[in-house]
Amino acid sequence: MAKAPAPTEAQRLAALRRPAHDPPTRDDRACYVCLGERPSIAVKHDDPFCSARCAREYYGFPLAVDQSR
């Protein structure tokens, strides 16, 4: 069985900065990142973010990955 490649230095450092869990939800229905109003479905499911963009920003994932290279 083939071994998985070792993580690069950048991946290792990014993992150290990445939060381990979701932030607490706010009582005022505001997004944890941009403070904009969260959609009702996000409030219903206790999602602390208003969009995938804010979630990606919080967790430190890139918004777009170029797969063509």
C-alpha atoms as a PDB file:
ATOM      1  CA  MET A   1       0.000   0.000   0.000  1.00  0.00           C
ATOM      2  CA  ALA A   2       1.369   3.421  -0.959  1.00  0.00           C
ATOM      3  CA  LYS A   3       2.134   5.919   1.754  1.00  0.00           C
ATOM      4  CA  ALA A   4       0.478   9.319   1.735  1.00  0.00           C
ATOM      5  CA  PRO A   5       2.906  12.126   0.873  1.00  0.00           C
ATOM      6  CA  ALA A   6       4.256  14.097   3.791  1.00  0.00           C
ATOM      7  CA  PRO A   7       2.604  17.492   4.278  1.00  0.00           C
ATOM      8  CA  THR A   8       4.486  20.515   3.031  1.00  0.00           C
ATOM      9  CA  GLU A   9       5.778  23.124   5.441  1.00  0.00           C
ATOM     10  CA  ALA A  10       2.967  25.515   4.441  1.00  0.00           C
ATOM     11  CA  GLN A  11       0.316  22.838   5.081  1.00  0.00           C
ATOM     12  CA  ARG A  12       1.838  22.014   8.459  1.00  0.00           C
ATOM     13  CA  LEU A  13       1.867  25.673   9.532  1.00  0.00           C
ATOM     14  CA  ALA A  14      -1.696  26.208   8.284  1.00  0.00           C
ATOM     15  CA  ALA A  15      -2.872  23.256  10.374  1.00  0.00           C
ATOM     16  CA  LEU A  16      -1.359  24.848  13.476  1.00  0.00           C
ATOM     17  CA  ARG A  17      -3.307  28.085  12.914  1.00  0.00           C
ATOM     18  CA  ARG A  18      -6.606  26.384  12.050  1.00  0.00           C
ATOM     19  CA  PRO A  19      -9.325  26.525  14.729  1.00  0.00           C
ATOM     20  CA  ALA A  20     -10.327  23.116  16.064  1.00  0.00           C
ATOM     21  CA  HIS A  21     -14.083  23.743  16.251  1.00  0.00           C
ATOM     22  CA  ASP A  22     -16.899  26.090  15.312  1.00  0.00           C
ATOM     23  CA  PRO A  23     -17.098  29.410  17.125  1.00  0.00           C
ATOM     24  CA  PRO A  24     -20.102  30.007  19.383  1.00  0.00           C
ATOM     25  CA  THR A  25     -23.268  31.297  17.723  1.00  0.00           C
ATOM     26  CA  ARG A  26     -24.328  34.857  18.459  1.00  0.00           C
ATOM     27  CA  ASP A  27     -27.691  35.727  20.006  1.00  0.00           C
ATOM     28  CA  ASP A  28     -28.168  38.698  17.654  1.00  0.00           C
ATOM     29  CA  ARG A  29     -28.283  36.463  14.495  1.00  0.00           C
ATOM     30  CA  ALA A  30     -25.046  38.038  13.228  1.00  0.00           C
ATOM     31  CA  CYS A  31     -22.354  36.105  11.359  1.00  0.00           C
ATOM     32  CA  TYR A  32     -19.294  35.394  13.487  1.00  0.00           C
ATOM     33  CA  VAL A  33     -16.919  36.685  10.762  1.00  0.00           C
ATOM     34  CA  CYS A  34     -18.558  39.595   8.909  1.00  0.00           C
ATOM     35  CA  LEU A  35     -21.298  40.460  11.442  1.00  0.00           C
ATOM     36  CA  GLY A  36     -23.875  40.354   8.620  1.00  0.00           C
ATOM     37  CA  GLU A  37     -27.270  38.775   9.243  1.00  0.00           C
ATOM     38  CA  ARG A  38     -27.292  34.990   8.932  1.00  0.00           C
ATOM     39  CA  PRO A  39     -29.977  33.351   6.753  1.00  0.00           C
ATOM     40  CA  SER A  40     -32.839  31.726   8.660  1.00  0.00           C
ATOM     41  CA  ILE A  41     -31.622  28.231   7.703  1.00  0.00           C
ATOM     42  CA  ALA A  42     -28.214  28.992   9.258  1.00  0.00           C
ATOM     43  CA  VAL A  43     -29.922  30.186  12.440  1.00  0.00           C
ATOM     44  CA  LYS A  44     -32.122  27.060  12.476  1.00  0.00           C
ATOM     45  CA  HIS A  45     -29.088  24.758  12.215  1.00  0.00           C
ATOM     46  CA  ASP A  46     -26.943  26.807  14.648  1.00  0.00           C
ATOM     47  CA  ASP A  47     -24.458  27.640  11.882  1.00  0.00           C
ATOM     48  CA  PRO A  48     -22.337  30.591  13.105  1.00  0.00           C
ATOM     49  CA  PHE A  49     -21.558  31.762   9.543  1.00  0.00           C
ATOM     50  CA  CYS A  50     -23.714  33.525   6.950  1.00  0.00           C
ATOM     51  CA  SER A  51     -21.986  31.880   3.978  1.00  0.00           C
ATOM     52  CA  ALA A  52     -19.380  29.351   2.923  1.00  0.00           C
ATOM     53  CA  ARG A  53     -17.069  32.286   2.207  1.00  0.00           C
ATOM     54  CA  CYS A  54     -17.109  33.369   5.870  1.00  0.00           C
ATOM     55  CA  ALA A  55     -16.633  29.768   7.041  1.00  0.00           C
ATOM     56  CA  ARG A  56     -13.641  29.351   4.723  1.00  0.00           C
ATOM     57  CA  GLU A  57     -12.163  32.631   5.959  1.00  0.00           C
ATOM     58  CA  TYR A  58     -12.557  31.543   9.598  1.00  0.00           C
ATOM     59  CA  TYR A  59     -10.975  28.126   9.047  1.00  0.00           C
ATOM     60  CA  GLY A  60      -8.228  29.454   6.768  1.00  0.00           C
ATOM     61  CA  PHE A  61      -9.103  27.493   3.625  1.00  0.00           C
ATOM     62  CA  PRO A  62      -8.517  29.151   0.252  1.00  0.00           C
ATOM     63  CA  LEU A  63     -11.604  30.449  -1.528  1.00  0.00           C
ATOM     64  CA  ALA A  64     -10.583  28.931  -4.865  1.00  0.00           C
ATOM     65  CA  VAL A  65      -8.135  26.192  -5.734  1.00  0.00           C
ATOM     66  CA  ASP A  66      -6.668  26.109  -9.231  1.00  0.00           C
ATOM     67  CA  GLN A  67      -6.844  22.439 -10.285  1.00  0.00           C
ATOM     68  CA  SER A  68      -5.536  23.074 -13.832  1.00  0.00           C
ATOM     69  CA  ARG A  69      -1.831  22.898 -12.916  1.00  0.00           C
END
